[in-house]
C-alpha atoms as a PDB file:
ATOM      1  CA  UNK A   1       0.000   0.000   0.000  1.00  0.00           C
ATOM      2  CA  UNK A   2       2.873   2.377   0.747  1.00  0.00           C
ATOM      3  CA  UNK A   3       4.386   1.996  -2.745  1.00  0.00           C
ATOM      4  CA  UNK A   4       0.979   2.445  -4.391  1.00  0.00           C
ATOM      5  CA  UNK A   5       0.519   5.759  -2.578  1.00  0.00           C
ATOM      6  CA  UNK A   6       3.902   7.354  -3.270  1.00  0.00           C
ATOM      7  CA  UNK A   7       2.638   9.282  -6.301  1.00  0.00           C
ATOM      8  CA  UNK A   8      -0.555  10.288  -4.530  1.00  0.00           C
ATOM      9  CA  UNK A   9       1.380  11.596  -1.548  1.00  0.00           C
ATOM     10  CA  UNK A  10       3.538  13.675  -3.885  1.00  0.00           C
ATOM     11  CA  UNK A  11       0.488  15.096  -5.650  1.00  0.00           C
ATOM     12  CA  UNK A  12      -1.233  15.993  -2.406  1.00  0.00           C
ATOM     13  CA  UNK A  13       1.842  17.616  -0.886  1.00  0.00           C
ATOM     14  CA  UNK A  14       2.457  19.656  -4.055  1.00  0.00           C
ATOM     15  CA  UNK A  15      -1.150  20.838  -4.107  1.00  0.00           C
ATOM     16  CA  UNK A  16      -1.056  22.102  -0.528  1.00  0.00           C
ATOM     17  CA  UNK A  17       2.105  24.054  -1.365  1.00  0.00           C
ATOM     18  CA  UNK A  18       0.437  25.493  -4.486  1.00  0.00           C
ATOM     19  CA  UNK A  19      -2.569  26.584  -2.446  1.00  0.00           C
ATOM     20  CA  UNK A  20      -0.271  28.193   0.116  1.00  0.00           C
ATOM     21  CA  UNK A  21       1.495  30.201  -2.587  1.00  0.00           C
ATOM     22  CA  UNK A  22      -1.755  31.552  -4.034  1.00  0.00           C
ATOM     23  CA  UNK A  23      -3.097  32.586  -0.612  1.00  0.00           C
ATOM     24  CA  UNK A  24       0.134  34.305   0.421  1.00  0.00           C
ATOM     25  CA  UNK A  25       0.179  36.250  -2.853  1.00  0.00           C
ATOM     26  CA  UNK A  26      -3.451  37.355  -2.509  1.00  0.00           C
ATOM     27  CA  UNK A  27      -3.065  38.412   1.118  1.00  0.00           C
ATOM     28  CA  UNK A  28      -0.037  40.532   0.235  1.00  0.00           C
ATOM     29  CA  UNK A  29      -2.110  42.060  -2.585  1.00  0.00           C
ATOM     30  CA  UNK A  30      -4.727  43.091  -0.001  1.00  0.00           C
ATOM     31  CA  UNK A  31      -1.966  44.728   2.014  1.00  0.00           C
ATOM     32  CA  UNK A  32      -0.719  46.659  -1.027  1.00  0.00           C
ATOM     33  CA  UNK A  33      -4.194  47.898  -1.943  1.00  0.00           C
ATOM     34  CA  UNK A  34      -5.130  49.186   1.513  1.00  0.00           C
ATOM     35  CA  UNK A  35      -4.979  52.984   1.296  1.00  0.00           C
ATOM     36  CA  UNK A  36      -7.245  54.099   4.170  1.00  0.00           C
ATOM     37  CA  UNK A  37      -7.745  53.458   7.869  1.00  0.00           C
ATOM     38  CA  UNK A  38      -5.443  53.908  10.869  1.00  0.00           C
ATOM     39  CA  UNK A  39      -2.667  51.727   9.385  1.00  0.00           C
ATOM     40  CA  UNK A  40      -2.710  53.103   5.837  1.00  0.00           C
ATOM     41  CA  UNK A  41       0.486  55.112   6.352  1.00  0.00           C
ATOM     42  CA  UNK A  42       2.458  52.088   7.499  1.00  0.00           C
ATOM     43  CA  UNK A  43       4.308  49.809   5.123  1.00  0.00           C
ATOM     44  CA  UNK A  44       2.228  46.971   3.670  1.00  0.00           C
ATOM     45  CA  UNK A  45       2.665  43.719   5.546  1.00  0.00           C
ATOM     46  CA  UNK A  46       4.820  40.935   4.186  1.00  0.00           C
ATOM     47  CA  UNK A  47       5.143  37.301   5.170  1.00  0.00           C
ATOM     48  CA  UNK A  48       8.214  36.137   7.030  1.00  0.00           C
ATOM     49  CA  UNK A  49       8.965  32.606   5.888  1.00  0.00           C
ATOM     50  CA  UNK A  50      10.841  30.000   7.930  1.00  0.00           C
ATOM     51  CA  UNK A  51      11.440  26.312   7.464  1.00  0.00           C
ATOM     52  CA  UNK A  52      10.090  23.985  10.138  1.00  0.00           C
ATOM     53  CA  UNK A  53      11.174  20.467  11.059  1.00  0.00           C
ATOM     54  CA  UNK A  54       9.479  17.674  12.909  1.00  0.00           C
ATOM     55  CA  UNK A  55      11.571  16.219  15.735  1.00  0.00           C
ATOM     56  CA  UNK A  56      11.770  12.422  15.668  1.00  0.00           C
ATOM     57  CA  UNK A  57      12.690  10.385  18.720  1.00  0.00           C
ATOM     58  CA  UNK A  58      15.616   8.673  16.993  1.00  0.00           C
ATOM     59  CA  UNK A  59      16.919  11.734  15.164  1.00  0.00           C
ATOM     60  CA  UNK A  60      15.972  10.475  11.700  1.00  0.00           C
ATOM     61  CA  UNK A  61      14.454  12.683   9.000  1.00  0.00           C
ATOM     62  CA  UNK A  62      10.808  13.237   9.886  1.00  0.00           C
ATOM     63  CA  UNK A  63       9.827  15.941   7.420  1.00  0.00           C
ATOM     64  CA  UNK A  64       8.807  19.526   7.972  1.00  0.00           C
ATOM     65  CA  UNK A  65       7.442  22.474   6.072  1.00  0.00           C
ATOM     66  CA  UNK A  66       7.159  26.226   5.751  1.00  0.00           C
ATOM     67  CA  UNK A  67       5.777  28.618   8.352  1.00  0.00           C
ATOM     68  CA  UNK A  68       4.727  31.930   6.784  1.00  0.00           C
ATOM     69  CA  UNK A  69       3.635  34.635   9.235  1.00  0.00           C
ATOM     70  CA  UNK A  70       2.731  38.275   8.673  1.00  0.00           C
ATOM     71  CA  UNK A  71       2.531  40.597  11.686  1.00  0.00           C
ATOM     72  CA  UNK A  72       1.419  44.199  11.990  1.00  0.00           C
ATOM     73  CA  UNK A  73       0.129  44.731   8.478  1.00  0.00           C
ATOM     74  CA  UNK A  74      -2.364  47.261   7.214  1.00  0.00           C
ATOM     75  CA  UNK A  75      -5.180  44.684   7.001  1.00  0.00           C
ATOM     76  CA  UNK A  76      -3.826  41.706   8.942  1.00  0.00           C
ATOM     77  CA  UNK A  77      -2.671  42.090  12.532  1.00  0.00           C
ATOM     78  CA  UNK A  78      -1.353  38.536  12.421  1.00  0.00           C
ATOM     79  CA  UNK A  79      -1.836  35.821   9.819  1.00  0.00           C
ATOM     80  CA  UNK A  80      -0.079  32.500   9.429  1.00  0.00           C
ATOM     81  CA  UNK A  81      -0.141  30.169   6.443  1.00  0.00           C
ATOM     82  CA  UNK A  82       1.690  26.929   7.160  1.00  0.00           C
ATOM     83  CA  UNK A  83       2.331  23.885   4.991  1.00  0.00           C
ATOM     84  CA  UNK A  84       3.998  20.710   6.136  1.00  0.00           C
ATOM     85  CA  UNK A  85       4.689  17.145   5.131  1.00  0.00           C
ATOM     86  CA  UNK A  86       5.705  14.998   8.085  1.00  0.00           C
ATOM     87  CA  UNK A  87       6.222  11.265   8.554  1.00  0.00           C
ATOM     88  CA  UNK A  88       7.748   8.595  10.725  1.00  0.00           C
ATOM     89  CA  UNK A  89       6.304   6.762  13.705  1.00  0.00           C
ATOM     90  CA  UNK A  90       3.680   8.075  16.064  1.00  0.00           C
ATOM     91  CA  UNK A  91       4.500   8.269  19.746  1.00  0.00           C
ATOM     92  CA  UNK A  92       2.632   5.969  22.084  1.00  0.00           C
ATOM     93  CA  UNK A  93       0.010   8.525  23.112  1.00  0.00           C
ATOM     94  CA  UNK A  94      -0.708   9.620  19.545  1.00  0.00           C
ATOM     95  CA  UNK A  95      -0.802   5.992  18.413  1.00  0.00           C
ATOM     96  CA  UNK A  96      -3.363   5.147  21.085  1.00  0.00           C
ATOM     97  CA  UNK A  97      -5.439   8.186  20.155  1.00  0.00           C
ATOM     98  CA  UNK A  98      -5.506   7.112  16.504  1.00  0.00           C
ATOM     99  CA  UNK A  99      -6.384   3.552  17.461  1.00  0.00           C
ATOM    100  CA  UNK A 100      -9.226   4.865  19.627  1.00  0.00           C
ATOM    101  CA  UNK A 101     -10.583   6.704  16.556  1.00  0.00           C
ATOM    102  CA  UNK A 102     -10.741   3.344  14.768  1.00  0.00           C
ATOM    103  CA  UNK A 103      -7.798   3.770  12.394  1.00  0.00           C
ATOM    104  CA  UNK A 104      -7.186   0.256  10.961  1.00  0.00           C
ATOM    105  CA  UNK A 105      -3.913  -1.397  11.947  1.00  0.00           C
ATOM    106  CA  UNK A 106      -2.754   1.467  14.151  1.00  0.00           C
ATOM    107  CA  UNK A 107      -2.385  -0.780  17.194  1.00  0.00           C
ATOM    108  CA  UNK A 108       0.270  -2.854  15.433  1.00  0.00           C
ATOM    109  CA  UNK A 109       2.018  -0.353  13.128  1.00  0.00           C
ATOM    110  CA  UNK A 110       2.592   3.274  14.201  1.00  0.00           C
ATOM    111  CA  UNK A 111       3.972   4.519  10.885  1.00  0.00           C
ATOM    112  CA  UNK A 112       2.268   7.568   9.390  1.00  0.00           C
ATOM    113  CA  UNK A 113       2.533  10.275   6.729  1.00  0.00           C
ATOM    114  CA  UNK A 114       0.639  13.561   6.843  1.00  0.00           C
ATOM    115  CA  UNK A 115       0.593  16.632   4.645  1.00  0.00           C
ATOM    116  CA  UNK A 116      -1.542  19.726   4.718  1.00  0.00           C
ATOM    117  CA  UNK A 117      -2.035  23.462   4.894  1.00  0.00           C
ATOM    118  CA  UNK A 118      -3.254  25.395   7.924  1.00  0.00           C
ATOM    119  CA  UNK A 119      -4.220  29.063   7.981  1.00  0.00           C
ATOM    120  CA  UNK A 120      -5.426  31.442  10.684  1.00  0.00           C
ATOM    121  CA  UNK A 121      -5.878  35.195  10.173  1.00  0.00           C
ATOM    122  CA  UNK A 122      -6.480  37.791  12.900  1.00  0.00           C
ATOM    123  CA  UNK A 123      -7.454  41.145  11.443  1.00  0.00           C
ATOM    124  CA  UNK A 124      -6.682  44.755  12.342  1.00  0.00           C
ATOM    125  CA  UNK A 125     -10.246  46.034  11.911  1.00  0.00           C
ATOM    126  CA  UNK A 126     -12.660  44.531  14.481  1.00  0.00           C
ATOM    127  CA  UNK A 127     -15.408  44.572  11.841  1.00  0.00           C
ATOM    128  CA  UNK A 128     -13.380  42.211   9.648  1.00  0.00           C
ATOM    129  CA  UNK A 129     -13.715  38.600  10.863  1.00  0.00           C
ATOM    130  CA  UNK A 130     -10.922  36.278  11.795  1.00  0.00           C
ATOM    131  CA  UNK A 131     -10.811  33.113   9.715  1.00  0.00           C
ATOM    132  CA  UNK A 132      -9.428  29.587   9.796  1.00  0.00           C
ATOM    133  CA  UNK A 133      -8.807  27.153   6.948  1.00  0.00           C
ATOM    134  CA  UNK A 134      -7.179  23.737   6.853  1.00  0.00           C
ATOM    135  CA  UNK A 135      -6.975  20.865   4.400  1.00  0.00           C
ATOM    136  CA  UNK A 136      -4.876  17.747   4.830  1.00  0.00           C
ATOM    137  CA  UNK A 137      -4.200  14.157   3.817  1.00  0.00           C
ATOM    138  CA  UNK A 138      -3.242  11.456   6.311  1.00  0.00           C
ATOM    139  CA  UNK A 139      -1.844   8.003   5.526  1.00  0.00           C
ATOM    140  CA  UNK A 140      -1.044   4.949   7.638  1.00  0.00           C
ATOM    141  CA  UNK A 141      -0.214   1.415   6.476  1.00  0.00           C
ATOM    142  CA  UNK A 142      -3.832   0.492   7.118  1.00  0.00           C
ATOM    143  CA  UNK A 143      -5.757   3.541   5.946  1.00  0.00           C
ATOM    144  CA  UNK A 144      -5.797   6.968   4.279  1.00  0.00           C
ATOM    145  CA  UNK A 145      -8.147   9.915   4.559  1.00  0.00           C
ATOM    146  CA  UNK A 146      -8.646  13.598   3.927  1.00  0.00           C
ATOM    147  CA  UNK A 147      -9.880  16.307   6.260  1.00  0.00           C
ATOM    148  CA  UNK A 148     -10.313  20.022   6.419  1.00  0.00           C
ATOM    149  CA  UNK A 149     -12.684  22.917   5.990  1.00  0.00           C
ATOM    150  CA  UNK A 150     -12.877  26.606   6.764  1.00  0.00           C
ATOM    151  CA  UNK A 151     -14.825  28.697   9.249  1.00  0.00           C
ATOM    152  CA  UNK A 152     -15.463  32.364   9.931  1.00  0.00           C
ATOM    153  CA  UNK A 153     -14.887  33.902  13.369  1.00  0.00           C
ATOM    154  CA  UNK A 154     -16.251  37.450  13.611  1.00  0.00           C
ATOM    155  CA  UNK A 155     -16.250  39.346  16.879  1.00  0.00           C
ATOM    156  CA  UNK A 156     -18.924  41.635  15.400  1.00  0.00           C
ATOM    157  CA  UNK A 157     -21.220  39.554  13.236  1.00  0.00           C
ATOM    158  CA  UNK A 158     -22.819  40.696   9.998  1.00  0.00           C
ATOM    159  CA  UNK A 159     -25.415  38.211   8.804  1.00  0.00           C
ATOM    160  CA  UNK A 160     -24.793  39.100   5.160  1.00  0.00           C
ATOM    161  CA  UNK A 161     -21.104  38.242   5.517  1.00  0.00           C
ATOM    162  CA  UNK A 162     -21.957  34.922   7.152  1.00  0.00           C
ATOM    163  CA  UNK A 163     -24.399  34.107   4.349  1.00  0.00           C
ATOM    164  CA  UNK A 164     -21.928  35.029   1.604  1.00  0.00           C
ATOM    165  CA  UNK A 165     -19.127  32.966   3.155  1.00  0.00           C
ATOM    166  CA  UNK A 166     -21.360  29.925   3.546  1.00  0.00           C
ATOM    167  CA  UNK A 167     -22.760  30.265   0.016  1.00  0.00           C
ATOM    168  CA  UNK A 168     -19.308  29.833  -1.534  1.00  0.00           C
ATOM    169  CA  UNK A 169     -18.624  26.760   0.608  1.00  0.00           C
ATOM    170  CA  UNK A 170     -22.024  25.307  -0.215  1.00  0.00           C
ATOM    171  CA  UNK A 171     -21.374  25.674  -3.943  1.00  0.00           C
ATOM    172  CA  UNK A 172     -18.006  23.937  -3.608  1.00  0.00           C
ATOM    173  CA  UNK A 173     -19.603  21.054  -1.736  1.00  0.00           C
ATOM    174  CA  UNK A 174     -22.484  20.747  -4.203  1.00  0.00           C
ATOM    175  CA  UNK A 175     -20.080  19.945  -7.029  1.00  0.00           C
ATOM    176  CA  UNK A 176     -19.253  16.674  -5.269  1.00  0.00           C
ATOM    177  CA  UNK A 177     -22.276  15.529  -3.278  1.00  0.00           C
ATOM    178  CA  UNK A 178     -25.748  16.873  -2.592  1.00  0.00           C
ATOM    179  CA  UNK A 179     -25.392  16.233   1.130  1.00  0.00           C
ATOM    180  CA  UNK A 180     -21.786  17.339   1.750  1.00  0.00           C
ATOM    181  CA  UNK A 181     -22.640  20.898   2.754  1.00  0.00           C
ATOM    182  CA  UNK A 182     -25.373  19.997   5.224  1.00  0.00           C
ATOM    183  CA  UNK A 183     -23.259  17.206   6.710  1.00  0.00           C
ATOM    184  CA  UNK A 184     -20.067  19.192   6.995  1.00  0.00           C
ATOM    185  CA  UNK A 185     -21.761  22.391   8.162  1.00  0.00           C
ATOM    186  CA  UNK A 186     -23.365  20.427  11.008  1.00  0.00           C
ATOM    187  CA  UNK A 187     -19.980  18.882  11.789  1.00  0.00           C
ATOM    188  CA  UNK A 188     -18.376  22.345  11.939  1.00  0.00           C
ATOM    189  CA  UNK A 189     -21.126  23.602  14.244  1.00  0.00           C
ATOM    190  CA  UNK A 190     -20.433  20.692  16.584  1.00  0.00           C
ATOM    191  CA  UNK A 191     -16.643  20.705  16.285  1.00  0.00           C
ATOM    192  CA  UNK A 192     -16.160  24.442  16.856  1.00  0.00           C
ATOM    193  CA  UNK A 193     -18.482  24.594  19.856  1.00  0.00           C
ATOM    194  CA  UNK A 194     -16.750  25.657  23.085  1.00  0.00           C
ATOM    195  CA  UNK A 195     -18.352  23.502  25.827  1.00  0.00           C
ATOM    196  CA  UNK A 196     -17.025  25.369  28.835  1.00  0.00           C
ATOM    197  CA  UNK A 197     -18.403  28.652  27.425  1.00  0.00           C
ATOM    198  CA  UNK A 198     -21.608  27.163  26.078  1.00  0.00           C
ATOM    199  CA  UNK A 199     -21.244  28.869  22.711  1.00  0.00           C
ATOM    200  CA  UNK A 200     -19.726  28.506  19.254  1.00  0.00           C
ATOM    201  CA  UNK A 201     -16.267  29.854  18.436  1.00  0.00           C
ATOM    202  CA  UNK A 202     -17.654  31.723  15.429  1.00  0.00           C
ATOM    203  CA  UNK A 203     -20.349  31.471  12.757  1.00  0.00           C
ATOM    204  CA  UNK A 204     -19.113  28.175  11.387  1.00  0.00           C
ATOM    205  CA  UNK A 205     -18.391  26.980   7.904  1.00  0.00           C
ATOM    206  CA  UNK A 206     -17.626  23.371   7.018  1.00  0.00           C
ATOM    207  CA  UNK A 207     -15.486  20.749   8.713  1.00  0.00           C
ATOM    208  CA  UNK A 208     -14.797  17.137   7.763  1.00  0.00           C
ATOM    209  CA  UNK A 209     -12.342  14.466   8.816  1.00  0.00           C
ATOM    210  CA  UNK A 210     -11.612  10.799   8.094  1.00  0.00           C
ATOM    211  CA  UNK A 211     -12.981  11.247   4.553  1.00  0.00           C
ATOM    212  CA  UNK A 212     -12.384   8.018   2.636  1.00  0.00           C
ATOM    213  CA  UNK A 213     -15.126   7.096   0.188  1.00  0.00           C
ATOM    214  CA  UNK A 214     -12.870   4.452  -1.381  1.00  0.00           C
ATOM    215  CA  UNK A 215     -12.177   6.767  -4.338  1.00  0.00           C
ATOM    216  CA  UNK A 216      -8.936   8.635  -3.605  1.00  0.00           C
ATOM    217  CA  UNK A 217      -9.128  10.827  -6.698  1.00  0.00           C
ATOM    218  CA  UNK A 218     -12.669  11.949  -5.896  1.00  0.00           C
ATOM    219  CA  UNK A 219     -11.829  12.719  -2.279  1.00  0.00           C
ATOM    220  CA  UNK A 220      -8.694  14.596  -3.311  1.00  0.00           C
ATOM    221  CA  UNK A 221     -10.677  16.600  -5.882  1.00  0.00           C
ATOM    222  CA  UNK A 222     -13.174  17.579  -3.188  1.00  0.00           C
ATOM    223  CA  UNK A 223     -10.388  18.623  -0.826  1.00  0.00           C
ATOM    224  CA  UNK A 224      -8.855  20.729  -3.604  1.00  0.00           C
ATOM    225  CA  UNK A 225     -12.191  22.458  -4.196  1.00  0.00           C
ATOM    226  CA  UNK A 226     -12.496  23.208  -0.480  1.00  0.00           C
ATOM    227  CA  UNK A 227      -9.095  24.867  -0.678  1.00  0.00           C
ATOM    228  CA  UNK A 228      -9.943  26.754  -3.868  1.00  0.00           C
ATOM    229  CA  UNK A 229     -13.156  28.060  -2.283  1.00  0.00           C
ATOM    230  CA  UNK A 230     -11.313  29.794   0.540  1.00  0.00           C
ATOM    231  CA  UNK A 231     -10.206  32.983  -1.204  1.00  0.00           C
ATOM    232  CA  UNK A 232     -13.548  33.589  -2.994  1.00  0.00           C
ATOM    233  CA  UNK A 233     -15.335  33.031   0.326  1.00  0.00           C
ATOM    234  CA  UNK A 234     -13.133  35.227   2.509  1.00  0.00           C
ATOM    235  CA  UNK A 235     -11.528  37.972   0.411  1.00  0.00           C
ATOM    236  CA  UNK A 236     -14.812  39.726  -0.558  1.00  0.00           C
ATOM    237  CA  UNK A 237     -15.732  39.879   3.141  1.00  0.00           C
ATOM    238  CA  UNK A 238     -12.381  41.529   3.888  1.00  0.00           C
ATOM    239  CA  UNK A 239     -12.757  43.994   1.031  1.00  0.00           C
ATOM    240  CA  UNK A 240     -16.230  44.921   2.234  1.00  0.00           C
ATOM    241  CA  UNK A 241     -15.295  45.511   5.897  1.00  0.00           C
ATOM    242  CA  UNK A 242     -11.671  46.645   6.069  1.00  0.00           C
ATOM    243  CA  UNK A 243     -12.580  50.361   5.791  1.00  0.00           C
ATOM    244  CA  UNK A 244     -15.423  50.306   8.333  1.00  0.00           C
ATOM    245  CA  UNK A 245     -14.723  52.859  11.088  1.00  0.00           C
ATOM    246  CA  UNK A 246     -14.185  51.279  14.490  1.00  0.00           C
ATOM    247  CA  UNK A 247     -14.013  52.419  18.095  1.00  0.00           C
ATOM    248  CA  UNK A 248     -12.095  51.408  21.176  1.00  0.00           C
ATOM    249  CA  UNK A 249     -15.239  49.607  22.318  1.00  0.00           C
ATOM    250  CA  UNK A 250     -15.122  47.564  19.099  1.00  0.00           C
ATOM    251  CA  UNK A 251     -11.475  46.763  19.778  1.00  0.00           C
ATOM    252  CA  UNK A 252     -12.355  45.579  23.272  1.00  0.00           C
ATOM    253  CA  UNK A 253     -14.985  43.205  21.861  1.00  0.00           C
ATOM    254  CA  UNK A 254     -12.405  41.895  19.405  1.00  0.00           C
ATOM    255  CA  UNK A 255      -9.806  41.205  22.089  1.00  0.00           C
ATOM    256  CA  UNK A 256     -12.248  39.379  24.342  1.00  0.00           C
ATOM    257  CA  UNK A 257     -13.413  37.250  21.414  1.00  0.00           C
ATOM    258  CA  UNK A 258      -9.803  36.391  20.692  1.00  0.00           C
ATOM    259  CA  UNK A 259      -9.599  35.019  24.232  1.00  0.00           C
ATOM    260  CA  UNK A 260     -12.372  32.594  23.314  1.00  0.00           C
ATOM    261  CA  UNK A 261     -10.498  31.643  20.146  1.00  0.00           C
ATOM    262  CA  UNK A 262      -7.305  30.961  22.121  1.00  0.00           C
ATOM    263  CA  UNK A 263      -9.163  28.870  24.699  1.00  0.00           C
ATOM    264  CA  UNK A 264     -10.654  26.659  21.997  1.00  0.00           C
ATOM    265  CA  UNK A 265      -7.389  26.118  20.144  1.00  0.00           C
ATOM    266  CA  UNK A 266      -5.429  25.254  23.274  1.00  0.00           C
ATOM    267  CA  UNK A 267      -8.041  23.029  24.905  1.00  0.00           C
ATOM    268  CA  UNK A 268      -9.975  21.303  22.118  1.00  0.00           C
ATOM    269  CA  UNK A 269      -8.430  21.673  18.681  1.00  0.00           C
ATOM    270  CA  UNK A 270      -7.457  18.294  17.259  1.00  0.00           C
ATOM    271  CA  UNK A 271      -4.720  19.677  15.017  1.00  0.00           C
ATOM    272  CA  UNK A 272      -3.007  21.518  17.879  1.00  0.00           C
ATOM    273  CA  UNK A 273      -2.981  18.382  19.992  1.00  0.00           C
ATOM    274  CA  UNK A 274      -1.686  16.206  17.147  1.00  0.00           C
ATOM    275  CA  UNK A 275       1.071  18.639  16.200  1.00  0.00           C
ATOM    276  CA  UNK A 276       2.412  18.926  19.729  1.00  0.00           C
ATOM    277  CA  UNK A 277       2.077  15.186  20.389  1.00  0.00           C
ATOM    278  CA  UNK A 278       4.026  14.250  17.253  1.00  0.00           C
ATOM    279  CA  UNK A 279       6.958  16.610  17.728  1.00  0.00           C
ATOM    280  CA  UNK A 280       6.223  19.200  15.052  1.00  0.00           C
ATOM    281  CA  UNK A 281       7.678  22.688  15.468  1.00  0.00           C
ATOM    282  CA  UNK A 282       5.816  24.237  18.410  1.00  0.00           C
ATOM    283  CA  UNK A 283       5.891  27.736  16.923  1.00  0.00           C
ATOM    284  CA  UNK A 284       4.212  26.456  13.775  1.00  0.00           C
ATOM    285  CA  UNK A 285       1.620  24.469  15.724  1.00  0.00           C
ATOM    286  CA  UNK A 286       0.753  27.477  17.909  1.00  0.00           C
ATOM    287  CA  UNK A 287       0.766  29.930  15.005  1.00  0.00           C
ATOM    288  CA  UNK A 288      -3.036  30.076  15.316  1.00  0.00           C
ATOM    289  CA  UNK A 289      -2.941  32.022  18.564  1.00  0.00           C
ATOM    290  CA  UNK A 290      -3.831  35.724  18.313  1.00  0.00           C
ATOM    291  CA  UNK A 291      -1.138  38.362  18.885  1.00  0.00           C
ATOM    292  CA  UNK A 292      -3.161  40.079  21.638  1.00  0.00           C
ATOM    293  CA  UNK A 293      -6.209  38.860  23.566  1.00  0.00           C
ATOM    294  CA  UNK A 294      -8.180  39.677  26.712  1.00  0.00           C
ATOM    295  CA  UNK A 295     -10.225  37.835  29.276  1.00  0.00           C
ATOM    296  CA  UNK A 296     -12.897  39.522  31.368  1.00  0.00           C
END
């Protein structure tokens, strides 16, 4: 099975890198175009790019990726776009967690391969929503699957922005299955719920994991369309809200909402837990955390 998947792993890894490049370019375009607001006189933001490596227990090559972070831009206060391809053997705790999820053969063989892109953007203007996007492929000797999605996290909600964002995701899902959007929207609503606060992290989107219909090409094509839908879903929202005047009261609401976002990512997020458990670069794993947050 490993030999049969070598080409597919290469294709998936290359696609996530391609998606990363297009997002980074478009976000820097937004920075260049911003000519108004309190940060208009500052230099447009640019991504700082660093290589990351996964630490293996025996010191062998375990893969890595690129961490691209922009801080203090005109539009983005902090945004990270990470890609990685990591492999090796899972540690005992991660192996047990995968086995508990029902991954075939994981009890006996801890080898794995994973590749994906992860993005989180925290915006300067409180009227412009934060956003998260992730798509990934995971392989073990006994199974393979795709996962991902994107979700919007406004501190000040505009129903028209929520509707527009969801409409793009729904159209992407509809190209592959009539029930994907309803299924994966419901999954996002459940997954991004913060139990100890009794509320959702944001206004949702779509989320899916363990996607294996038996047709790798079809599942990969769907995952690509989820990635392609991100910019058309998010960028128009940014362009429509980035010039909205905001007050210190708006900023306070934004910072408190970021506290909720940080709580979720540190306590519940599956990707954060997996990254730290498997030895990936901690700075890359925790890239999702906001630059400034408050708790009341």
